[in-house]
Amino acid sequence: MRYGFWLILISLLLISGLFVFVVLATKVEFHGVADIHTGLGAVTTLFGTLVGFFFGHQAGSSGKEKAEAARKHSDAVAKAALAHLDDSKVDDMVDDIQRMTQSE
């Protein structure tokens, strides 16, 4: 998500601009704190949702990349270790692996 930050930033600016435009164009009269709170609550809820999505997605992607890198490293180590295994021990190893996978 290379352009995600800019997409969120532009969305927030557009929503803010739309809110200001609607308030000014319709000449909304606020009769108390509850009216202001209602209008701003809708806008800030959307802000929180978009920003939370962006950072949550970034954190999830980062975790996935780290897990994938660790898996590739473990796979390479296992293959290197198996390359040095004597042929006489291969059957025992296969039997051990089958027992381990059946018990899970």
PDB file of N, CA and C in Angstrom:
ATOM      1  N   MET A   1       0.856  -1.176   0.000  1.00  0.00           N
ATOM      2  CA  MET A   1       0.000   0.000   0.000  1.00  0.00           C
ATOM      3  C   MET A   1       0.900   1.237   0.000  1.00  0.00           C
ATOM      4  N   ARG A   2       1.488   1.473  -1.133  1.00  0.00           N
ATOM      5  CA  ARG A   2       2.494   2.506  -1.277  1.00  0.00           C
ATOM      6  C   ARG A   2       1.912   3.909  -1.131  1.00  0.00           C
ATOM      7  N   TYR A   3       0.749   4.109  -1.643  1.00  0.00           N
ATOM      8  CA  TYR A   3       0.153   5.451  -1.627  1.00  0.00           C
ATOM      9  C   TYR A   3      -0.934   5.582  -0.566  1.00  0.00           C
ATOM     10  N   GLY A   4      -0.990   4.655   0.367  1.00  0.00           N
ATOM     11  CA  GLY A   4      -2.028   4.654   1.387  1.00  0.00           C
ATOM     12  C   GLY A   4      -2.028   5.904   2.241  1.00  0.00           C
ATOM     13  N   PHE A   5      -0.840   6.374   2.639  1.00  0.00           N
ATOM     14  CA  PHE A   5      -0.753   7.573   3.467  1.00  0.00           C
ATOM     15  C   PHE A   5      -1.379   8.764   2.757  1.00  0.00           C
ATOM     16  N   TRP A   6      -1.033   8.935   1.492  1.00  0.00           N
ATOM     17  CA  TRP A   6      -1.568  10.084   0.742  1.00  0.00           C
ATOM     18  C   TRP A   6      -3.067   9.941   0.500  1.00  0.00           C
ATOM     19  N   LEU A   7      -3.512   8.738   0.281  1.00  0.00           N
ATOM     20  CA  LEU A   7      -4.944   8.507   0.101  1.00  0.00           C
ATOM     21  C   LEU A   7      -5.714   8.889   1.367  1.00  0.00           C
ATOM     22  N   ILE A   8      -5.215   8.485   2.520  1.00  0.00           N
ATOM     23  CA  ILE A   8      -5.863   8.821   3.786  1.00  0.00           C
ATOM     24  C   ILE A   8      -5.821  10.324   4.022  1.00  0.00           C
ATOM     25  N   LEU A   9      -4.673  10.942   3.775  1.00  0.00           N
ATOM     26  CA  LEU A   9      -4.530  12.383   3.991  1.00  0.00           C
ATOM     27  C   LEU A   9      -5.491  13.179   3.098  1.00  0.00           C
ATOM     28  N   ILE A  10      -5.564  12.826   1.839  1.00  0.00           N
ATOM     29  CA  ILE A  10      -6.477  13.517   0.920  1.00  0.00           C
ATOM     30  C   ILE A  10      -7.929  13.286   1.333  1.00  0.00           C
ATOM     31  N   SER A  11      -8.245  12.061   1.766  1.00  0.00           N
ATOM     32  CA  SER A  11      -9.607  11.771   2.225  1.00  0.00           C
ATOM     33  C   SER A  11      -9.980  12.630   3.425  1.00  0.00           C
ATOM     34  N   LEU A  12      -9.055  12.746   4.364  1.00  0.00           N
ATOM     35  CA  LEU A  12      -9.325  13.562   5.546  1.00  0.00           C
ATOM     36  C   LEU A  12      -9.528  15.029   5.179  1.00  0.00           C
ATOM     37  N   LEU A  13      -8.719  15.523   4.267  1.00  0.00           N
ATOM     38  CA  LEU A  13      -8.865  16.921   3.828  1.00  0.00           C
ATOM     39  C   LEU A  13     -10.196  17.134   3.106  1.00  0.00           C
ATOM     40  N   LEU A  14     -10.574  16.204   2.262  1.00  0.00           N
ATOM     41  CA  LEU A  14     -11.850  16.325   1.550  1.00  0.00           C
ATOM     42  C   LEU A  14     -13.037  16.273   2.506  1.00  0.00           C
ATOM     43  N   ILE A  15     -12.976  15.379   3.472  1.00  0.00           N
ATOM     44  CA  ILE A  15     -14.074  15.276   4.438  1.00  0.00           C
ATOM     45  C   ILE A  15     -14.168  16.538   5.278  1.00  0.00           C
ATOM     46  N   SER A  16     -13.006  17.054   5.695  1.00  0.00           N
ATOM     47  CA  SER A  16     -13.006  18.300   6.474  1.00  0.00           C
ATOM     48  C   SER A  16     -13.568  19.453   5.652  1.00  0.00           C
ATOM     49  N   GLY A  17     -13.127  19.549   4.407  1.00  0.00           N
ATOM     50  CA  GLY A  17     -13.628  20.595   3.525  1.00  0.00           C
ATOM     51  C   GLY A  17     -15.120  20.477   3.292  1.00  0.00           C
ATOM     52  N   LEU A  18     -15.585  19.254   3.098  1.00  0.00           N
ATOM     53  CA  LEU A  18     -17.022  19.047   2.901  1.00  0.00           C
ATOM     54  C   LEU A  18     -17.809  19.450   4.142  1.00  0.00           C
ATOM     55  N   PHE A  19     -17.301  19.119   5.320  1.00  0.00           N
ATOM     56  CA  PHE A  19     -17.978  19.490   6.562  1.00  0.00           C
ATOM     57  C   PHE A  19     -18.076  21.008   6.687  1.00  0.00           C
ATOM     58  N   VAL A  20     -16.972  21.698   6.434  1.00  0.00           N
ATOM     59  CA  VAL A  20     -16.965  23.171   6.516  1.00  0.00           C
ATOM     60  C   VAL A  20     -17.903  23.751   5.468  1.00  0.00           C
ATOM     61  N   PHE A  21     -17.878  23.220   4.256  1.00  0.00           N
ATOM     62  CA  PHE A  21     -18.742  23.711   3.190  1.00  0.00           C
ATOM     63  C   PHE A  21     -20.211  23.556   3.553  1.00  0.00           C
ATOM     64  N   VAL A  22     -20.573  22.392   4.065  1.00  0.00           N
ATOM     65  CA  VAL A  22     -21.978  22.148   4.417  1.00  0.00           C
ATOM     66  C   VAL A  22     -22.418  23.089   5.530  1.00  0.00           C
ATOM     67  N   VAL A  23     -21.560  23.292   6.511  1.00  0.00           N
ATOM     68  CA  VAL A  23     -21.915  24.183   7.620  1.00  0.00           C
ATOM     69  C   VAL A  23     -22.078  25.616   7.118  1.00  0.00           C
ATOM     70  N   LEU A  24     -21.167  26.072   6.248  1.00  0.00           N
ATOM     71  CA  LEU A  24     -21.240  27.448   5.746  1.00  0.00           C
ATOM     72  C   LEU A  24     -22.331  27.634   4.697  1.00  0.00           C
ATOM     73  N   ALA A  25     -22.508  26.654   3.813  1.00  0.00           N
ATOM     74  CA  ALA A  25     -23.486  26.785   2.733  1.00  0.00           C
ATOM     75  C   ALA A  25     -24.909  26.725   3.243  1.00  0.00           C
ATOM     76  N   THR A  26     -25.152  25.901   4.227  1.00  0.00           N
ATOM     77  CA  THR A  26     -26.516  25.781   4.738  1.00  0.00           C
ATOM     78  C   THR A  26     -26.784  26.744   5.877  1.00  0.00           C
ATOM     79  N   LYS A  27     -25.754  27.448   6.287  1.00  0.00           N
ATOM     80  CA  LYS A  27     -25.862  28.413   7.381  1.00  0.00           C
ATOM     81  C   LYS A  27     -26.504  27.773   8.618  1.00  0.00           C
ATOM     82  N   VAL A  28     -25.953  26.651   8.971  1.00  0.00           N
ATOM     83  CA  VAL A  28     -26.446  25.912  10.126  1.00  0.00           C
ATOM     84  C   VAL A  28     -26.217  26.745  11.376  1.00  0.00           C
ATOM     85  N   GLU A  29     -27.256  26.852  12.163  1.00  0.00           N
ATOM     86  CA  GLU A  29     -27.134  27.573  13.426  1.00  0.00           C
ATOM     87  C   GLU A  29     -27.017  26.540  14.545  1.00  0.00           C
ATOM     88  N   PHE A  30     -25.941  26.650  15.274  1.00  0.00           N
ATOM     89  CA  PHE A  30     -25.741  25.751  16.399  1.00  0.00           C
ATOM     90  C   PHE A  30     -26.391  26.370  17.626  1.00  0.00           C
ATOM     91  N   HIS A  31     -27.287  25.617  18.244  1.00  0.00           N
ATOM     92  CA  HIS A  31     -28.037  26.123  19.391  1.00  0.00           C
ATOM     93  C   HIS A  31     -27.488  25.627  20.718  1.00  0.00           C
ATOM     94  N   GLY A  32     -26.381  24.979  20.669  1.00  0.00           N
ATOM     95  CA  GLY A  32     -25.806  24.487  21.914  1.00  0.00           C
ATOM     96  C   GLY A  32     -24.641  23.559  21.652  1.00  0.00           C
ATOM     97  N   VAL A  33     -24.074  23.131  22.731  1.00  0.00           N
ATOM     98  CA  VAL A  33     -22.917  22.254  22.639  1.00  0.00           C
ATOM     99  C   VAL A  33     -23.279  20.928  21.993  1.00  0.00           C
ATOM    100  N   ALA A  34     -24.472  20.432  22.222  1.00  0.00           N
ATOM    101  CA  ALA A  34     -24.892  19.146  21.662  1.00  0.00           C
ATOM    102  C   ALA A  34     -24.904  19.176  20.137  1.00  0.00           C
ATOM    103  N   ASP A  35     -25.313  20.296  19.547  1.00  0.00           N
ATOM    104  CA  ASP A  35     -25.323  20.408  18.083  1.00  0.00           C
ATOM    105  C   ASP A  35     -23.906  20.357  17.524  1.00  0.00           C
ATOM    106  N   ILE A  36     -23.003  21.069  18.152  1.00  0.00           N
ATOM    107  CA  ILE A  36     -21.603  21.076  17.696  1.00  0.00           C
ATOM    108  C   ILE A  36     -21.000  19.692  17.881  1.00  0.00           C
ATOM    109  N   HIS A  37     -21.287  19.091  19.007  1.00  0.00           N
ATOM    110  CA  HIS A  37     -20.755  17.765  19.296  1.00  0.00           C
ATOM    111  C   HIS A  37     -21.253  16.741  18.281  1.00  0.00           C
ATOM    112  N   THR A  38     -22.495  16.826  17.895  1.00  0.00           N
ATOM    113  CA  THR A  38     -23.064  15.893  16.915  1.00  0.00           C
ATOM    114  C   THR A  38     -22.371  16.023  15.565  1.00  0.00           C
ATOM    115  N   GLY A  39     -22.181  17.250  15.110  1.00  0.00           N
ATOM    116  CA  GLY A  39     -21.528  17.468  13.820  1.00  0.00           C
ATOM    117  C   GLY A  39     -20.071  17.033  13.824  1.00  0.00           C
ATOM    118  N   LEU A  40     -19.350  17.405  14.842  1.00  0.00           N
ATOM    119  CA  LEU A  40     -17.934  17.049  14.909  1.00  0.00           C
ATOM    120  C   LEU A  40     -17.744  15.566  15.214  1.00  0.00           C
ATOM    121  N   GLY A  41     -18.678  14.971  15.935  1.00  0.00           N
ATOM    122  CA  GLY A  41     -18.579  13.549  16.247  1.00  0.00           C
ATOM    123  C   GLY A  41     -18.600  12.684  14.999  1.00  0.00           C
ATOM    124  N   ALA A  42     -19.454  13.041  14.065  1.00  0.00           N
ATOM    125  CA  ALA A  42     -19.523  12.276  12.817  1.00  0.00           C
ATOM    126  C   ALA A  42     -18.221  12.370  12.038  1.00  0.00           C
ATOM    127  N   VAL A  43     -17.645  13.565  12.000  1.00  0.00           N
ATOM    128  CA  VAL A  43     -16.404  13.762  11.245  1.00  0.00           C
ATOM    129  C   VAL A  43     -15.235  13.063  11.941  1.00  0.00           C
ATOM    130  N   THR A  44     -15.104  13.226  13.252  1.00  0.00           N
ATOM    131  CA  THR A  44     -13.976  12.616  13.946  1.00  0.00           C
ATOM    132  C   THR A  44     -14.074  11.097  13.985  1.00  0.00           C
ATOM    133  N   THR A  45     -15.276  10.560  13.957  1.00  0.00           N
ATOM    134  CA  THR A  45     -15.436   9.110  13.886  1.00  0.00           C
ATOM    135  C   THR A  45     -14.877   8.578  12.579  1.00  0.00           C
ATOM    136  N   LEU A  46     -15.174   9.275  11.506  1.00  0.00           N
ATOM    137  CA  LEU A  46     -14.641   8.879  10.208  1.00  0.00           C
ATOM    138  C   LEU A  46     -13.127   9.016  10.180  1.00  0.00           C
ATOM    139  N   PHE A  47     -12.599  10.086  10.746  1.00  0.00           N
ATOM    140  CA  PHE A  47     -11.139  10.268  10.822  1.00  0.00           C
ATOM    141  C   PHE A  47     -10.507   9.094  11.558  1.00  0.00           C
ATOM    142  N   GLY A  48     -11.050   8.759  12.701  1.00  0.00           N
ATOM    143  CA  GLY A  48     -10.499   7.664  13.503  1.00  0.00           C
ATOM    144  C   GLY A  48     -10.531   6.338  12.774  1.00  0.00           C
ATOM    145  N   THR A  49     -11.609   6.097  12.048  1.00  0.00           N
ATOM    146  CA  THR A  49     -11.734   4.855  11.288  1.00  0.00           C
ATOM    147  C   THR A  49     -10.685   4.778  10.192  1.00  0.00           C
ATOM    148  N   LEU A  50     -10.518   5.855   9.436  1.00  0.00           N
ATOM    149  CA  LEU A  50      -9.545   5.846   8.344  1.00  0.00           C
ATOM    150  C   LEU A  50      -8.113   5.731   8.847  1.00  0.00           C
ATOM    151  N   VAL A  51      -7.782   6.483   9.864  1.00  0.00           N
ATOM    152  CA  VAL A  51      -6.419   6.443  10.401  1.00  0.00           C
ATOM    153  C   VAL A  51      -6.147   5.080  11.044  1.00  0.00           C
ATOM    154  N   GLY A  52      -7.117   4.550  11.777  1.00  0.00           N
ATOM    155  CA  GLY A  52      -6.961   3.225  12.375  1.00  0.00           C
ATOM    156  C   GLY A  52      -6.779   2.142  11.327  1.00  0.00           C
ATOM    157  N   PHE A  53      -7.538   2.244  10.246  1.00  0.00           N
ATOM    158  CA  PHE A  53      -7.377   1.281   9.157  1.00  0.00           C
ATOM    159  C   PHE A  53      -5.977   1.354   8.580  1.00  0.00           C
ATOM    160  N   PHE A  54      -5.502   2.556   8.324  1.00  0.00           N
ATOM    161  CA  PHE A  54      -4.194   2.725   7.697  1.00  0.00           C
ATOM    162  C   PHE A  54      -3.091   2.125   8.559  1.00  0.00           C
ATOM    163  N   PHE A  55      -3.046   2.517   9.836  1.00  0.00           N
ATOM    164  CA  PHE A  55      -1.976   2.030  10.694  1.00  0.00           C
ATOM    165  C   PHE A  55      -2.127   0.546  11.015  1.00  0.00           C
ATOM    166  N   GLY A  56      -3.340   0.064  11.137  1.00  0.00           N
ATOM    167  CA  GLY A  56      -3.556  -1.366  11.347  1.00  0.00           C
ATOM    168  C   GLY A  56      -3.094  -2.187  10.162  1.00  0.00           C
ATOM    169  N   HIS A  57      -3.385  -1.691   8.983  1.00  0.00           N
ATOM    170  CA  HIS A  57      -2.959  -2.391   7.773  1.00  0.00           C
ATOM    171  C   HIS A  57      -1.445  -2.400   7.659  1.00  0.00           C
ATOM    172  N   GLN A  58      -0.813  -1.277   7.971  1.00  0.00           N
ATOM    173  CA  GLN A  58       0.649  -1.193   7.919  1.00  0.00           C
ATOM    174  C   GLN A  58       1.277  -2.167   8.911  1.00  0.00           C
ATOM    175  N   ALA A  59       0.767  -2.219  10.125  1.00  0.00           N
ATOM    176  CA  ALA A  59       1.317  -3.110  11.147  1.00  0.00           C
ATOM    177  C   ALA A  59       1.128  -4.576  10.745  1.00  0.00           C
ATOM    178  N   GLY A  60      -0.037  -4.895  10.200  1.00  0.00           N
ATOM    179  CA  GLY A  60      -0.296  -6.259   9.760  1.00  0.00           C
ATOM    180  C   GLY A  60       0.606  -6.684   8.621  1.00  0.00           C
ATOM    181  N   SER A  61       0.832  -5.779   7.686  1.00  0.00           N
ATOM    182  CA  SER A  61       1.712  -6.083   6.553  1.00  0.00           C
ATOM    183  C   SER A  61       3.144  -6.290   7.019  1.00  0.00           C
ATOM    184  N   SER A  62       3.573  -5.476   7.960  1.00  0.00           N
ATOM    185  CA  SER A  62       4.929  -5.603   8.483  1.00  0.00           C
ATOM    186  C   SER A  62       5.106  -6.940   9.194  1.00  0.00           C
ATOM    187  N   GLY A  63       4.134  -7.333   9.989  1.00  0.00           N
ATOM    188  CA  GLY A  63       4.208  -8.613  10.688  1.00  0.00           C
ATOM    189  C   GLY A  63       4.232  -9.788   9.731  1.00  0.00           C
ATOM    190  N   LYS A  64       3.464  -9.683   8.659  1.00  0.00           N
ATOM    191  CA  LYS A  64       3.429 -10.759   7.672  1.00  0.00           C
ATOM    192  C   LYS A  64       4.776 -10.885   6.970  1.00  0.00           C
ATOM    193  N   GLU A  65       5.382  -9.757   6.633  1.00  0.00           N
ATOM    194  CA  GLU A  65       6.683  -9.790   5.962  1.00  0.00           C
ATOM    195  C   GLU A  65       7.754 -10.396   6.865  1.00  0.00           C
ATOM    196  N   LYS A  66       7.740 -10.055   8.150  1.00  0.00           N
ATOM    197  CA  LYS A  66       8.717 -10.620   9.088  1.00  0.00           C
ATOM    198  C   LYS A  66       8.518 -12.118   9.247  1.00  0.00           C
ATOM    199  N   ALA A  67       7.279 -12.551   9.332  1.00  0.00           N
ATOM    200  CA  ALA A  67       6.996 -13.978   9.473  1.00  0.00           C
ATOM    201  C   ALA A  67       7.427 -14.740   8.226  1.00  0.00           C
ATOM    202  N   GLU A  68       7.196 -14.167   7.073  1.00  0.00           N
ATOM    203  CA  GLU A  68       7.598 -14.816   5.821  1.00  0.00           C
ATOM    204  C   GLU A  68       9.118 -14.914   5.727  1.00  0.00           C
ATOM    205  N   ALA A  69       9.833 -13.868   6.131  1.00  0.00           N
ATOM    206  CA  ALA A  69      11.292 -13.901   6.111  1.00  0.00           C
ATOM    207  C   ALA A  69      11.827 -14.964   7.077  1.00  0.00           C
ATOM    208  N   ALA A  70      11.231 -15.073   8.259  1.00  0.00           N
ATOM    209  CA  ALA A  70      11.653 -16.089   9.235  1.00  0.00           C
ATOM    210  C   ALA A  70      11.385 -17.492   8.704  1.00  0.00           C
ATOM    211  N   ARG A  71      10.258 -17.669   8.030  1.00  0.00           N
ATOM    212  CA  ARG A  71       9.941 -18.976   7.460  1.00  0.00           C
ATOM    213  C   ARG A  71      10.942 -19.365   6.377  1.00  0.00           C
ATOM    214  N   LYS A  72      11.290 -18.408   5.519  1.00  0.00           N
ATOM    215  CA  LYS A  72      12.267 -18.696   4.461  1.00  0.00           C
ATOM    216  C   LYS A  72      13.622 -19.055   5.052  1.00  0.00           C
ATOM    217  N   HIS A  73      14.019 -18.356   6.112  1.00  0.00           N
ATOM    218  CA  HIS A  73      15.293 -18.642   6.750  1.00  0.00           C
ATOM    219  C   HIS A  73      15.280 -20.040   7.366  1.00  0.00           C
ATOM    220  N   SER A  74      14.212 -20.383   8.063  1.00  0.00           N
ATOM    221  CA  SER A  74      14.103 -21.708   8.674  1.00  0.00           C
ATOM    222  C   SER A  74      14.108 -22.803   7.616  1.00  0.00           C
ATOM    223  N   ASP A  75      13.451 -22.555   6.514  1.00  0.00           N
ATOM    224  CA  ASP A  75      13.413 -23.518   5.425  1.00  0.00           C
ATOM    225  C   ASP A  75      14.810 -23.735   4.849  1.00  0.00           C
ATOM    226  N   ALA A  76      15.564 -22.649   4.666  1.00  0.00           N
ATOM    227  CA  ALA A  76      16.919 -22.755   4.122  1.00  0.00           C
ATOM    228  C   ALA A  76      17.832 -23.515   5.086  1.00  0.00           C
ATOM    229  N   VAL A  77      17.706 -23.261   6.378  1.00  0.00           N
ATOM    230  CA  VAL A  77      18.520 -23.969   7.374  1.00  0.00           C
ATOM    231  C   VAL A  77      18.181 -25.455   7.375  1.00  0.00           C
ATOM    232  N   ALA A  78      16.901 -25.771   7.319  1.00  0.00           N
ATOM    233  CA  ALA A  78      16.487 -27.174   7.311  1.00  0.00           C
ATOM    234  C   ALA A  78      17.007 -27.896   6.069  1.00  0.00           C
ATOM    235  N   LYS A  79      16.930 -27.249   4.919  1.00  0.00           N
ATOM    236  CA  LYS A  79      17.423 -27.877   3.692  1.00  0.00           C
ATOM    237  C   LYS A  79      18.931 -28.086   3.740  1.00  0.00           C
ATOM    238  N   ALA A  80      19.651 -27.116   4.287  1.00  0.00           N
ATOM    239  CA  ALA A  80      21.101 -27.267   4.409  1.00  0.00           C
ATOM    240  C   ALA A  80      21.452 -28.407   5.354  1.00  0.00           C
ATOM    241  N   ALA A  81      20.718 -28.527   6.448  1.00  0.00           N
ATOM    242  CA  ALA A  81      20.980 -29.609   7.398  1.00  0.00           C
ATOM    243  C   ALA A  81      20.651 -30.965   6.783  1.00  0.00           C
ATOM    244  N   LEU A  82      19.556 -31.041   6.041  1.00  0.00           N
ATOM    245  CA  LEU A  82      19.167 -32.313   5.425  1.00  0.00           C
ATOM    246  C   LEU A  82      20.134 -32.732   4.322  1.00  0.00           C
ATOM    247  N   ALA A  83      20.782 -31.781   3.698  1.00  0.00           N
ATOM    248  CA  ALA A  83      21.733 -32.108   2.641  1.00  0.00           C
ATOM    249  C   ALA A  83      22.932 -32.874   3.193  1.00  0.00           C
ATOM    250  N   HIS A  84      23.228 -32.709   4.465  1.00  0.00           N
ATOM    251  CA  HIS A  84      24.380 -33.377   5.075  1.00  0.00           C
ATOM    252  C   HIS A  84      23.993 -34.664   5.807  1.00  0.00           C
ATOM    253  N   LEU A  85      22.764 -35.076   5.677  1.00  0.00           N
ATOM    254  CA  LEU A  85      22.275 -36.256   6.382  1.00  0.00           C
ATOM    255  C   LEU A  85      22.702 -37.524   5.645  1.00  0.00           C
ATOM    256  N   ASP A  86      23.125 -38.528   6.395  1.00  0.00           N
ATOM    257  CA  ASP A  86      23.502 -39.804   5.795  1.00  0.00           C
ATOM    258  C   ASP A  86      22.265 -40.498   5.246  1.00  0.00           C
ATOM    259  N   ASP A  87      22.451 -41.216   4.134  1.00  0.00           N
ATOM    260  CA  ASP A  87      21.334 -41.924   3.512  1.00  0.00           C
ATOM    261  C   ASP A  87      20.747 -42.980   4.436  1.00  0.00           C
ATOM    262  N   SER A  88      21.557 -43.537   5.307  1.00  0.00           N
ATOM    263  CA  SER A  88      21.072 -44.595   6.199  1.00  0.00           C
ATOM    264  C   SER A  88      20.082 -44.063   7.234  1.00  0.00           C
ATOM    265  N   LYS A  89      20.128 -42.788   7.514  1.00  0.00           N
ATOM    266  CA  LYS A  89      19.247 -42.224   8.535  1.00  0.00           C
ATOM    267  C   LYS A  89      17.979 -41.593   7.953  1.00  0.00           C
ATOM    268  N   VAL A  90      17.855 -41.562   6.638  1.00  0.00           N
ATOM    269  CA  VAL A  90      16.719 -40.922   5.998  1.00  0.00           C
ATOM    270  C   VAL A  90      15.410 -41.635   6.360  1.00  0.00           C
ATOM    271  N   ASP A  91      15.418 -42.978   6.328  1.00  0.00           N
ATOM    272  CA  ASP A  91      14.190 -43.719   6.643  1.00  0.00           C
ATOM    273  C   ASP A  91      13.739 -43.457   8.077  1.00  0.00           C
ATOM    274  N   ASP A  92      14.683 -43.418   9.020  1.00  0.00           N
ATOM    275  CA  ASP A  92      14.330 -43.122  10.407  1.00  0.00           C
ATOM    276  C   ASP A  92      13.742 -41.715  10.535  1.00  0.00           C
ATOM    277  N   MET A  93      14.325 -40.782   9.817  1.00  0.00           N
ATOM    278  CA  MET A  93      13.840 -39.405   9.883  1.00  0.00           C
ATOM    279  C   MET A  93      12.424 -39.302   9.311  1.00  0.00           C
ATOM    280  N   VAL A  94      12.163 -39.959   8.202  1.00  0.00           N
ATOM    281  CA  VAL A  94      10.832 -39.929   7.592  1.00  0.00           C
ATOM    282  C   VAL A  94       9.811 -40.535   8.546  1.00  0.00           C
ATOM    283  N   ASP A  95      10.169 -41.631   9.195  1.00  0.00           N
ATOM    284  CA  ASP A  95       9.251 -42.249  10.167  1.00  0.00           C
ATOM    285  C   ASP A  95       8.971 -41.303  11.332  1.00  0.00           C
ATOM    286  N   ASP A  96      10.004 -40.625  11.834  1.00  0.00           N
ATOM    287  CA  ASP A  96       9.816 -39.665  12.926  1.00  0.00           C
ATOM    288  C   ASP A  96       8.897 -38.521  12.519  1.00  0.00           C
ATOM    289  N   ILE A  97       9.072 -38.024  11.316  1.00  0.00           N
ATOM    290  CA  ILE A  97       8.246 -36.903  10.831  1.00  0.00           C
ATOM    291  C   ILE A  97       6.786 -37.352  10.703  1.00  0.00           C
ATOM    292  N   GLN A  98       6.576 -38.553  10.195  1.00  0.00           N
ATOM    293  CA  GLN A  98       5.208 -39.053  10.052  1.00  0.00           C
ATOM    294  C   GLN A  98       4.541 -39.229  11.415  1.00  0.00           C
ATOM    295  N   ARG A  99       5.283 -39.713  12.405  1.00  0.00           N
ATOM    296  CA  ARG A  99       4.723 -39.856  13.745  1.00  0.00           C
ATOM    297  C   ARG A  99       4.377 -38.490  14.337  1.00  0.00           C
ATOM    298  N   MET A 100       5.238 -37.518  14.129  1.00  0.00           N
ATOM    299  CA  MET A 100       4.981 -36.177  14.678  1.00  0.00           C
ATOM    300  C   MET A 100       3.751 -35.546  14.026  1.00  0.00           C
ATOM    301  N   THR A 101       3.605 -35.695  12.721  1.00  0.00           N
ATOM    302  CA  THR A 101       2.454 -35.065  12.039  1.00  0.00           C
ATOM    303  C   THR A 101       1.151 -35.788  12.370  1.00  0.00           C
ATOM    304  N   GLN A 102       1.203 -37.090  12.646  1.00  0.00           N
ATOM    305  CA  GLN A 102      -0.017 -37.814  13.006  1.00  0.00           C
ATOM    306  C   GLN A 102      -0.476 -37.494  14.422  1.00  0.00           C
ATOM    307  N   SER A 103       0.439 -37.140  15.302  1.00  0.00           N
ATOM    308  CA  SER A 103       0.069 -36.857  16.679  1.00  0.00           C
ATOM    309  C   SER A 103      -0.498 -35.443  16.841  1.00  0.00           C
ATOM    310  N   GLU A 104      -0.341 -34.603  15.853  1.00  0.00           N
ATOM    311  CA  GLU A 104      -0.838 -33.219  15.956  1.00  0.00           C
ATOM    312  C   GLU A 104      -2.262 -33.126  15.635  1.00  0.00           C
TER     313      GLU A 104
END
